[in-house]
Amino acid sequence: MAPLDVKPNELEPYWVPFTPNRAFKKRPRIFAGAKGMHYIKPDGTKVIDATSGLFCVNAGHCREPIVKAIQDMAGKLDYAPAFQYGHPKVFELASRLALLAPGDLDYAFFSNSGSEAVDTALKIALAYHKARGEGGRTRLIGRERGYHGIGFGGISVGGMVANRKQFGNMLSGVDHLQTTYDRAKQAFTRGEPEWGAHLADELTRLINLHDASTIAAVIVEPVAGSTGILPPPKGYLKKLREITTQHGILLIFDEVITGFGRLGTCFAAERYDVTPDMITFAKGITNAAVPMAGVMASKRIYDAFMTGPEHVVELFHGYTYSGHPLAAVAGLASLDIYKDEGLFERSAKLEPVFADAMMSLKGAPNVEDIRTVGLLSGIDLAPIPGKPGLRGFQATERMYHDFNIYVRVAMDTLVVAPPLVATERDIAEIRDVIGEVVTAVA
């Protein structure tokens, strides 16, 4: 072991996630600071953040109320045991979330990432049916092109090939709905497509195949995010709710991306007037200042576990850092900012401005499709023949090194999701620079 004061190799030892490490370490892209709408490079250059980090910095970077709340709590209570004990702020945050969540989703179970939240929701679903004497309900249904994190449960119900093919058989007893996206029928759609609600009927086919008595839950993102922003067809989510209710199947909305104002409401469930049985959340809950995530569960689900001797643990699940004190106060401060600054309403008002800006890129070199919903947009670029993902990689390189903009890239799709504090001028700048980038990689 080397002495602690030996200067390490500063790049090589870090295995960077979801990143081509060899290429990255030859020409790294580093952020050393952030404020408001911008990241800051080590040399002080500002980089406009067009994807809110990873869809998570909804209120802009380094907001003072959040920073102060974290600093104060770090000096007061650095950690409290998550099992068998609690601390005041986590109960306060759960109560605030219960008021914000739709319907009777009144109970918060905290985790640390969206991936953990998804696995938590899936475990709750399985245990819920067992607690009700329906232990045969073990099958889980996801959707093609869905992303539900990188735990074994999440990649099993997820439908993105690259996240699945390296890891063997995954969970058994999983099936998938058809993706809702069809470019031939939905290209350049603003908001929810007119075509595609009938695709929810695929769930009936799966129920007829497997029998409802074997199916525990259906999990979908209201808007498929990481795959390139795929809004749900009009009426699709309501159909899923009707079918799941009819057959006693739980419906889980993965709102890790759509939660906390991204679609103009606190949760996408409100926008679509559909109340699921559980909602997973993360990202915007703390404005990304401290990792936190969780599941909002219905009273019906919670009550199903509250049986038997009171001294016995009802759900054998949890994490060391569930409801961490620093995360809890960051969450409370973030909710205060969302409320005091009216950021959910601001997001709704900006939606048509943002849609106009993104759709104005139609006709730019290699742009094959553009989709917008809320403050989310996916811009598909034609792949370089025989080299899928290369054009997107080139765009990533050029954006950082030459154009001083950050946009998340998924293969050859640019994923745009500006902070809710963006101005119309910010949106216009993002559009203009993306236009320059698209031309540069043509």
Protein backbone atom coordinates (compact mmCIF):
# COMPACT_ATOMS: atom_id res chain seq x y z
CA MET A 1 0.00 0.00 0.00
CA ALA A 2 1.34 3.40 -0.98
CA PRO A 3 1.65 6.18 1.60
CA LEU A 4 -1.42 8.42 1.81
CA ASP A 5 0.51 11.46 0.60
CA VAL A 6 1.57 9.91 -2.73
CA LYS A 7 -0.09 11.69 -5.65
CA PRO A 8 -2.16 9.14 -7.57
CA ASN A 9 -2.80 8.76 -11.27
CA GLU A 10 -5.82 11.04 -11.39
CA LEU A 11 -7.71 9.44 -14.28
CA GLU A 12 -6.87 5.77 -14.73
CA PRO A 13 -8.16 4.21 -11.47
CA TYR A 14 -11.72 5.55 -11.87
CA TRP A 15 -13.95 3.20 -13.88
CA VAL A 16 -16.37 5.79 -15.27
CA PRO A 17 -19.97 4.52 -15.47
CA PHE A 18 -21.88 4.33 -18.77
CA THR A 19 -18.81 5.78 -20.50
CA PRO A 20 -16.28 4.55 -23.10
CA ASN A 21 -13.38 4.76 -20.65
CA ARG A 22 -10.47 4.50 -23.09
CA ALA A 23 -11.71 7.34 -25.26
CA PHE A 24 -12.71 9.45 -22.26
CA LYS A 25 -9.32 9.21 -20.56
CA LYS A 26 -7.54 10.27 -23.72
CA ARG A 27 -9.60 13.46 -23.87
CA PRO A 28 -11.56 13.88 -20.64
CA ARG A 29 -14.57 16.11 -20.14
CA ILE A 30 -14.38 17.56 -16.63
CA PHE A 31 -16.65 19.93 -14.72
CA ALA A 32 -15.08 21.68 -11.73
CA GLY A 33 -18.01 23.84 -10.63
CA ALA A 34 -21.60 24.77 -11.33
CA LYS A 35 -24.00 27.63 -10.74
CA GLY A 36 -27.53 28.25 -11.96
CA MET A 37 -27.87 27.18 -15.58
CA HIS A 38 -24.18 26.44 -16.09
CA TYR A 39 -21.38 24.01 -15.38
CA ILE A 40 -17.88 25.45 -15.09
CA LYS A 41 -14.80 23.87 -16.65
CA PRO A 42 -11.48 23.78 -14.74
CA ASP A 43 -10.31 26.81 -16.77
CA GLY A 44 -13.40 28.80 -15.74
CA THR A 45 -15.33 28.47 -19.00
CA LYS A 46 -19.10 28.26 -18.55
CA VAL A 47 -21.02 25.37 -20.14
CA ILE A 48 -24.79 25.70 -20.43
CA ASP A 49 -26.56 22.71 -18.90
CA ALA A 50 -29.24 21.59 -21.35
CA THR A 51 -30.08 18.30 -19.58
CA SER A 52 -30.28 19.35 -15.91
CA GLY A 53 -27.32 17.12 -15.12
CA LEU A 54 -28.98 13.75 -15.64
CA PHE A 55 -32.56 15.10 -15.50
CA CYS A 56 -32.02 15.89 -11.82
CA VAL A 57 -30.97 19.51 -11.24
CA ASN A 58 -34.47 20.86 -11.76
CA ALA A 59 -34.00 24.12 -9.83
CA GLY A 60 -30.56 24.99 -11.20
CA HIS A 61 -27.17 24.33 -9.69
CA CYS A 62 -25.88 25.14 -6.20
CA ARG A 63 -29.03 26.76 -4.87
CA GLU A 64 -28.18 28.53 -1.64
CA PRO A 65 -31.13 27.31 0.49
CA ILE A 66 -30.26 23.70 -0.33
CA VAL A 67 -26.54 24.22 0.27
CA LYS A 68 -27.21 25.87 3.64
CA ALA A 69 -29.64 23.16 4.74
CA ILE A 70 -27.04 20.47 3.99
CA GLN A 71 -24.26 22.38 5.74
CA ASP A 72 -26.34 22.98 8.84
CA MET A 73 -27.47 19.36 9.12
CA ALA A 74 -23.92 18.05 8.56
CA GLY A 75 -22.88 19.91 11.71
CA LYS A 76 -25.91 18.80 13.71
CA LEU A 77 -26.71 15.20 12.76
CA ASP A 78 -24.39 13.46 10.30
CA TYR A 79 -26.20 10.11 10.40
CA ALA A 80 -29.05 8.36 12.18
CA PRO A 81 -29.64 4.58 11.98
CA ALA A 82 -32.20 3.86 9.28
CA PHE A 83 -33.42 0.66 10.97
CA GLN A 84 -35.45 0.75 14.20
CA TYR A 85 -34.74 4.50 14.65
CA GLY A 86 -35.50 7.74 12.87
CA HIS A 87 -34.90 11.48 12.86
CA PRO A 88 -37.39 14.36 12.61
CA LYS A 89 -36.59 15.55 9.09
CA VAL A 90 -37.24 12.23 7.36
CA PHE A 91 -40.75 12.10 8.83
CA GLU A 92 -41.32 15.70 7.76
CA LEU A 93 -40.20 14.92 4.21
CA ALA A 94 -42.41 11.83 4.00
CA SER A 95 -45.38 13.89 5.14
CA ARG A 96 -44.68 16.58 2.52
CA LEU A 97 -44.44 13.95 -0.21
CA ALA A 98 -47.68 12.31 0.90
CA LEU A 99 -49.43 15.65 0.36
CA LEU A 100 -47.91 16.06 -3.11
CA ALA A 101 -48.48 12.52 -4.38
CA PRO A 102 -51.80 11.76 -6.11
CA GLY A 103 -54.66 9.76 -4.63
CA ASP A 104 -53.89 7.71 -1.55
CA LEU A 105 -50.17 7.31 -2.24
CA ASP A 106 -49.54 8.33 1.35
CA TYR A 107 -46.48 6.28 2.35
CA ALA A 108 -42.83 6.96 1.43
CA PHE A 109 -40.13 4.29 1.52
CA PHE A 110 -36.73 5.92 0.97
CA SER A 111 -33.72 4.62 -0.92
CA ASN A 112 -30.68 6.28 -2.51
CA SER A 113 -31.06 5.96 -6.28
CA GLY A 114 -33.70 5.36 -8.91
CA SER A 115 -32.36 1.85 -9.39
CA GLU A 116 -32.89 1.08 -5.72
CA ALA A 117 -36.33 2.66 -5.82
CA VAL A 118 -37.37 0.37 -8.67
CA ASP A 119 -36.09 -2.76 -6.97
CA THR A 120 -37.86 -1.62 -3.80
CA ALA A 121 -41.17 -1.20 -5.65
CA LEU A 122 -40.85 -4.61 -7.29
CA LYS A 123 -40.13 -6.27 -3.94
CA ILE A 124 -43.06 -4.48 -2.31
CA ALA A 125 -45.32 -5.70 -5.12
CA LEU A 126 -44.27 -9.31 -4.66
CA ALA A 127 -44.53 -9.14 -0.88
CA TYR A 128 -47.90 -7.37 -1.05
CA HIS A 129 -49.52 -10.20 -2.97
CA LYS A 130 -47.97 -12.78 -0.67
CA ALA A 131 -49.29 -10.91 2.37
CA ARG A 132 -52.78 -11.10 0.85
CA GLY A 133 -52.57 -14.83 0.24
CA GLU A 134 -51.81 -14.54 -3.48
CA GLY A 135 -48.19 -15.67 -3.44
CA GLY A 136 -48.60 -17.10 -6.93
CA ARG A 137 -48.48 -13.57 -8.32
CA THR A 138 -44.77 -13.41 -9.09
CA ARG A 139 -44.60 -12.32 -12.71
CA LEU A 140 -43.45 -8.77 -13.52
CA ILE A 141 -44.20 -6.93 -16.75
CA GLY A 142 -42.12 -4.08 -18.14
CA ARG A 143 -41.98 -2.52 -21.58
CA GLU A 144 -39.65 -2.53 -24.56
CA ARG A 145 -37.36 0.52 -24.55
CA GLY A 146 -38.12 1.09 -20.88
CA TYR A 147 -35.36 2.07 -18.46
CA HIS A 148 -35.72 1.19 -14.80
CA GLY A 149 -32.19 1.52 -13.51
CA ILE A 150 -29.38 -0.98 -13.30
CA GLY A 151 -30.29 -3.33 -10.47
CA PHE A 152 -31.15 -6.89 -11.46
CA GLY A 153 -34.83 -6.15 -11.04
CA GLY A 154 -34.57 -2.97 -13.07
CA ILE A 155 -32.69 -4.46 -16.00
CA SER A 156 -35.06 -7.43 -16.01
CA VAL A 157 -38.20 -5.34 -16.41
CA GLY A 158 -36.32 -2.76 -18.49
CA GLY A 159 -36.30 -3.01 -22.25
CA MET A 160 -33.02 -1.47 -23.41
CA VAL A 161 -30.88 -4.13 -25.06
CA ALA A 162 -27.46 -2.73 -24.12
CA ASN A 163 -28.40 -2.76 -20.44
CA ARG A 164 -29.43 -6.42 -20.58
CA LYS A 165 -27.22 -8.38 -22.95
CA GLN A 166 -24.06 -8.48 -20.78
CA PHE A 167 -25.67 -9.90 -17.67
CA GLY A 168 -27.08 -13.33 -18.39
CA ASN A 169 -30.58 -14.55 -17.59
CA MET A 170 -31.56 -11.86 -15.06
CA LEU A 171 -34.86 -12.43 -13.20
CA SER A 172 -37.14 -15.17 -14.43
CA GLY A 173 -40.87 -14.69 -14.90
CA VAL A 174 -40.64 -11.31 -16.65
CA ASP A 175 -42.42 -10.23 -19.82
CA HIS A 176 -42.61 -6.98 -21.77
CA LEU A 177 -45.20 -4.80 -23.42
CA GLN A 178 -44.50 -3.48 -26.90
CA THR A 179 -42.88 -0.05 -27.15
CA THR A 180 -45.29 2.80 -27.81
CA TYR A 181 -43.02 4.46 -30.39
CA ASP A 182 -43.53 4.16 -34.13
CA ARG A 183 -41.70 6.83 -36.12
CA ALA A 184 -43.78 6.24 -39.23
CA LYS A 185 -46.92 7.26 -37.34
CA GLN A 186 -45.57 9.67 -34.69
CA ALA A 187 -42.63 11.59 -36.18
CA PHE A 188 -42.18 15.21 -35.06
CA THR A 189 -44.96 15.04 -32.47
CA ARG A 190 -45.41 17.73 -29.84
CA GLY A 191 -46.74 16.23 -26.63
CA GLU A 192 -48.64 12.97 -26.59
CA PRO A 193 -49.09 11.23 -29.97
CA GLU A 194 -52.58 10.66 -31.31
CA TRP A 195 -51.64 7.16 -32.48
CA GLY A 196 -50.88 4.28 -30.14
CA ALA A 197 -53.41 4.04 -27.30
CA HIS A 198 -54.42 0.61 -28.60
CA LEU A 199 -50.96 -0.69 -27.72
CA ALA A 200 -52.10 -0.92 -24.10
CA ASP A 201 -54.28 -3.82 -25.20
CA GLU A 202 -51.06 -5.84 -25.48
CA LEU A 203 -51.36 -6.21 -21.72
CA THR A 204 -54.60 -8.14 -22.17
CA ARG A 205 -52.77 -10.54 -24.49
CA LEU A 206 -50.05 -11.10 -21.86
CA ILE A 207 -52.70 -11.67 -19.19
CA ASN A 208 -54.39 -14.25 -21.41
CA LEU A 209 -51.01 -15.89 -21.98
CA HIS A 210 -49.84 -16.05 -18.36
CA ASP A 211 -53.15 -15.69 -16.43
CA ALA A 212 -53.77 -12.72 -14.14
CA SER A 213 -53.31 -14.91 -11.07
CA THR A 214 -49.57 -15.13 -11.84
CA ILE A 215 -48.90 -11.42 -12.48
CA ALA A 216 -47.81 -9.15 -9.63
CA ALA A 217 -47.19 -5.79 -11.30
CA VAL A 218 -46.77 -3.76 -14.45
CA ILE A 219 -44.08 -1.08 -14.40
CA VAL A 220 -43.76 1.70 -16.97
CA GLU A 221 -42.27 5.15 -17.25
CA PRO A 222 -45.07 7.61 -18.04
CA VAL A 223 -42.60 9.09 -20.52
CA ALA A 224 -39.76 6.76 -21.51
CA GLY A 225 -36.76 8.96 -20.81
CA SER A 226 -33.32 7.42 -21.11
CA THR A 227 -34.18 5.70 -24.38
CA GLY A 228 -34.74 9.08 -26.08
CA ILE A 229 -37.97 10.70 -24.76
CA LEU A 230 -41.02 8.71 -25.87
CA PRO A 231 -44.26 10.38 -24.70
CA PRO A 232 -47.23 8.08 -24.10
CA PRO A 233 -49.98 8.02 -26.73
CA LYS A 234 -53.16 9.79 -25.67
CA GLY A 235 -55.24 7.48 -23.49
CA TYR A 236 -52.55 4.78 -23.25
CA LEU A 237 -51.83 5.12 -19.53
CA LYS A 238 -55.52 5.23 -18.64
CA LYS A 239 -56.03 1.97 -20.52
CA LEU A 240 -53.19 0.35 -18.59
CA ARG A 241 -54.81 1.50 -15.35
CA GLU A 242 -58.19 0.08 -16.36
CA ILE A 243 -56.74 -3.30 -17.31
CA THR A 244 -54.53 -3.66 -14.24
CA THR A 245 -57.39 -2.69 -11.91
CA GLN A 246 -59.71 -5.17 -13.57
CA HIS A 247 -57.28 -8.02 -12.96
CA GLY A 248 -55.88 -7.12 -9.53
CA ILE A 249 -52.45 -6.28 -10.90
CA LEU A 250 -50.43 -3.44 -9.36
CA LEU A 251 -49.44 -0.53 -11.62
CA ILE A 252 -46.12 1.15 -10.91
CA PHE A 253 -45.13 4.46 -12.50
CA ASP A 254 -41.37 4.97 -12.68
CA GLU A 255 -41.20 8.74 -12.24
CA VAL A 256 -37.48 9.01 -11.54
CA ILE A 257 -37.19 11.41 -14.51
CA THR A 258 -40.72 12.81 -14.77
CA GLY A 259 -41.15 13.61 -11.08
CA PHE A 260 -40.88 17.11 -9.59
CA GLY A 261 -42.04 19.35 -12.36
CA ARG A 262 -40.51 18.00 -15.54
CA LEU A 263 -43.97 17.74 -17.16
CA GLY A 264 -45.52 20.79 -15.53
CA THR A 265 -46.92 18.93 -12.51
CA CYS A 266 -45.24 17.42 -9.48
CA PHE A 267 -45.77 13.94 -10.89
CA ALA A 268 -46.66 12.82 -14.40
CA ALA A 269 -49.55 10.89 -12.85
CA GLU A 270 -51.28 14.25 -12.36
CA ARG A 271 -50.76 15.34 -15.96
CA TYR A 272 -52.28 12.11 -17.23
CA ASP A 273 -54.98 11.88 -14.54
CA VAL A 274 -53.96 8.33 -13.68
CA THR A 275 -53.23 7.20 -10.13
CA PRO A 276 -50.94 4.16 -10.01
CA ASP A 277 -50.44 1.94 -6.98
CA MET A 278 -46.84 3.04 -6.55
CA ILE A 279 -44.59 5.81 -7.86
CA THR A 280 -40.82 5.59 -7.85
CA PHE A 281 -38.98 8.91 -7.52
CA ALA A 282 -35.39 10.18 -7.30
CA LYS A 283 -33.32 12.87 -9.06
CA GLY A 284 -35.34 16.07 -8.53
CA ILE A 285 -36.35 15.20 -4.96
CA THR A 286 -33.11 16.80 -3.69
CA ASN A 287 -32.25 18.78 -6.83
CA ALA A 288 -29.40 16.21 -7.06
CA ALA A 289 -27.50 17.83 -4.20
CA VAL A 290 -27.50 14.60 -2.16
CA PRO A 291 -28.45 11.14 -3.47
CA MET A 292 -31.99 10.20 -2.52
CA ALA A 293 -34.86 8.22 -4.00
CA GLY A 294 -37.88 6.29 -2.90
CA VAL A 295 -41.30 4.80 -3.49
CA MET A 296 -44.68 6.34 -2.78
CA ALA A 297 -47.07 3.50 -2.00
CA SER A 298 -50.83 3.48 -1.54
CA LYS A 299 -52.49 3.11 1.83
CA ARG A 300 -53.98 -0.16 0.60
CA ILE A 301 -50.50 -1.56 0.02
CA TYR A 302 -49.14 -0.28 3.33
CA ASP A 303 -52.09 -1.62 5.30
CA ALA A 304 -51.66 -5.09 3.80
CA PHE A 305 -48.36 -5.38 5.65
CA MET A 306 -49.61 -4.02 8.99
CA THR A 307 -50.73 -7.36 10.39
CA GLY A 308 -49.38 -9.88 12.86
CA PRO A 309 -47.47 -9.16 16.09
CA GLU A 310 -46.53 -5.49 16.37
CA HIS A 311 -42.95 -6.22 17.46
CA VAL A 312 -42.16 -8.05 14.17
CA VAL A 313 -40.69 -6.27 11.14
CA GLU A 314 -43.40 -6.06 8.47
CA LEU A 315 -41.15 -5.59 5.40
CA PHE A 316 -37.65 -7.02 5.41
CA HIS A 317 -36.11 -4.39 3.18
CA GLY A 318 -34.15 -1.15 3.51
CA TYR A 319 -30.80 0.55 3.02
CA THR A 320 -28.15 1.87 5.38
CA TYR A 321 -28.71 5.35 4.02
CA SER A 322 -32.52 5.28 3.66
CA GLY A 323 -33.75 8.76 4.56
CA HIS A 324 -30.25 10.06 5.35
CA PRO A 325 -30.39 13.32 7.36
CA LEU A 326 -28.50 15.34 4.72
CA ALA A 327 -30.71 14.00 1.95
CA ALA A 328 -33.87 14.68 3.94
CA VAL A 329 -33.08 18.36 4.50
CA ALA A 330 -31.96 18.72 0.88
CA GLY A 331 -35.32 17.29 -0.13
CA LEU A 332 -37.24 19.69 2.11
CA ALA A 333 -35.26 22.68 0.84
CA SER A 334 -35.82 21.59 -2.76
CA LEU A 335 -39.58 21.26 -2.22
CA ASP A 336 -39.60 24.74 -0.71
CA ILE A 337 -37.90 26.17 -3.80
CA TYR A 338 -40.29 24.38 -6.14
CA LYS A 339 -43.22 25.81 -4.19
CA ASP A 340 -41.94 29.33 -3.46
CA GLU A 341 -40.74 29.93 -7.03
CA GLY A 342 -43.69 28.19 -8.69
CA LEU A 343 -41.34 26.02 -10.73
CA PHE A 344 -43.90 23.35 -11.61
CA GLU A 345 -46.19 26.03 -13.01
CA ARG A 346 -43.24 27.69 -14.72
CA SER A 347 -42.41 24.40 -16.41
CA ALA A 348 -45.96 24.16 -17.76
CA LYS A 349 -45.80 27.70 -19.15
CA LEU A 350 -42.43 27.07 -20.80
CA GLU A 351 -43.56 23.87 -22.52
CA PRO A 352 -44.86 25.48 -25.75
CA VAL A 353 -41.83 27.80 -25.95
CA PHE A 354 -39.51 24.83 -25.53
CA ALA A 355 -41.44 22.74 -28.06
CA ASP A 356 -41.27 25.52 -30.65
CA ALA A 357 -37.53 25.87 -30.11
CA MET A 358 -36.78 22.18 -30.44
CA MET A 359 -39.09 21.66 -33.42
CA SER A 360 -37.36 24.51 -35.24
CA LEU A 361 -34.42 22.11 -35.64
CA LYS A 362 -36.47 20.01 -38.05
CA GLY A 363 -34.62 20.05 -41.37
CA ALA A 364 -31.19 20.40 -39.76
CA PRO A 365 -28.59 17.93 -41.10
CA ASN A 366 -29.34 14.28 -40.22
CA VAL A 367 -32.30 15.09 -37.94
CA GLU A 368 -34.70 12.16 -38.39
CA ASP A 369 -37.21 12.89 -35.64
CA ILE A 370 -37.90 15.28 -32.77
CA ARG A 371 -40.24 14.57 -29.86
CA THR A 372 -41.22 17.01 -27.10
CA VAL A 373 -43.30 16.76 -23.96
CA GLY A 374 -43.06 19.05 -20.95
CA LEU A 375 -39.44 20.18 -20.69
CA LEU A 376 -38.17 17.03 -22.35
CA SER A 377 -37.09 16.49 -25.94
CA GLY A 378 -35.46 13.71 -27.92
CA ILE A 379 -33.69 14.59 -31.18
CA ASP A 380 -32.82 11.54 -33.28
CA LEU A 381 -29.82 11.91 -35.58
CA ALA A 382 -29.22 9.51 -38.46
CA PRO A 383 -26.46 7.08 -37.46
CA ILE A 384 -23.28 6.90 -39.48
CA PRO A 385 -23.74 3.78 -41.67
CA GLY A 386 -22.31 0.73 -39.94
CA LYS A 387 -21.26 2.74 -36.86
CA PRO A 388 -24.27 3.26 -34.58
CA GLY A 389 -23.54 5.70 -31.76
CA LEU A 390 -20.50 7.29 -33.40
CA ARG A 391 -22.30 10.45 -34.48
CA GLY A 392 -23.66 10.84 -30.97
CA PHE A 393 -20.19 10.33 -29.51
CA GLN A 394 -18.77 12.94 -31.86
CA ALA A 395 -21.51 15.32 -30.76
CA THR A 396 -20.61 14.72 -27.11
CA GLU A 397 -16.95 15.54 -27.83
CA ARG A 398 -17.70 18.63 -29.84
CA MET A 399 -20.27 19.97 -27.39
CA TYR A 400 -17.79 20.02 -24.52
CA HIS A 401 -14.59 20.96 -26.28
CA ASP A 402 -15.88 23.36 -28.95
CA PHE A 403 -19.40 24.57 -28.18
CA ASN A 404 -19.62 24.80 -24.37
CA ILE A 405 -22.95 23.07 -24.04
CA TYR A 406 -23.87 19.90 -22.17
CA VAL A 407 -26.57 17.66 -23.66
CA ARG A 408 -27.09 14.04 -22.67
CA VAL A 409 -26.59 11.71 -25.64
CA ALA A 410 -28.13 8.23 -25.93
CA MET A 411 -26.50 6.50 -28.91
CA ASP A 412 -27.39 8.93 -31.74
CA THR A 413 -30.17 10.74 -29.88
CA LEU A 414 -29.72 14.10 -28.17
CA VAL A 415 -31.79 14.27 -24.98
CA VAL A 416 -32.65 17.81 -23.94
CA ALA A 417 -34.14 18.61 -20.51
CA PRO A 418 -33.26 22.11 -19.29
CA PRO A 419 -33.65 23.11 -15.65
CA LEU A 420 -37.09 24.44 -14.75
CA VAL A 421 -35.47 27.83 -14.02
CA ALA A 422 -34.45 28.25 -17.68
CA THR A 423 -35.51 31.47 -19.35
CA GLU A 424 -36.79 31.80 -22.90
CA ARG A 425 -33.38 33.25 -23.74
CA ASP A 426 -31.67 30.15 -22.29
CA ILE A 427 -33.91 27.91 -24.38
CA ALA A 428 -33.13 29.91 -27.51
CA GLU A 429 -29.40 29.62 -26.79
CA ILE A 430 -29.70 25.86 -26.28
CA ARG A 431 -31.55 25.52 -29.58
CA ASP A 432 -29.01 27.64 -31.47
CA VAL A 433 -25.99 25.79 -30.13
CA ILE A 434 -27.55 22.38 -30.74
CA GLY A 435 -28.13 23.50 -34.31
CA GLU A 436 -24.43 24.32 -34.63
CA VAL A 437 -23.44 20.97 -33.12
CA VAL A 438 -25.73 19.01 -35.44
CA THR A 439 -24.21 20.80 -38.43
CA ALA A 440 -20.69 20.19 -37.14
CA VAL A 441 -21.17 16.42 -36.96
CA ALA A 442 -23.06 16.11 -40.24
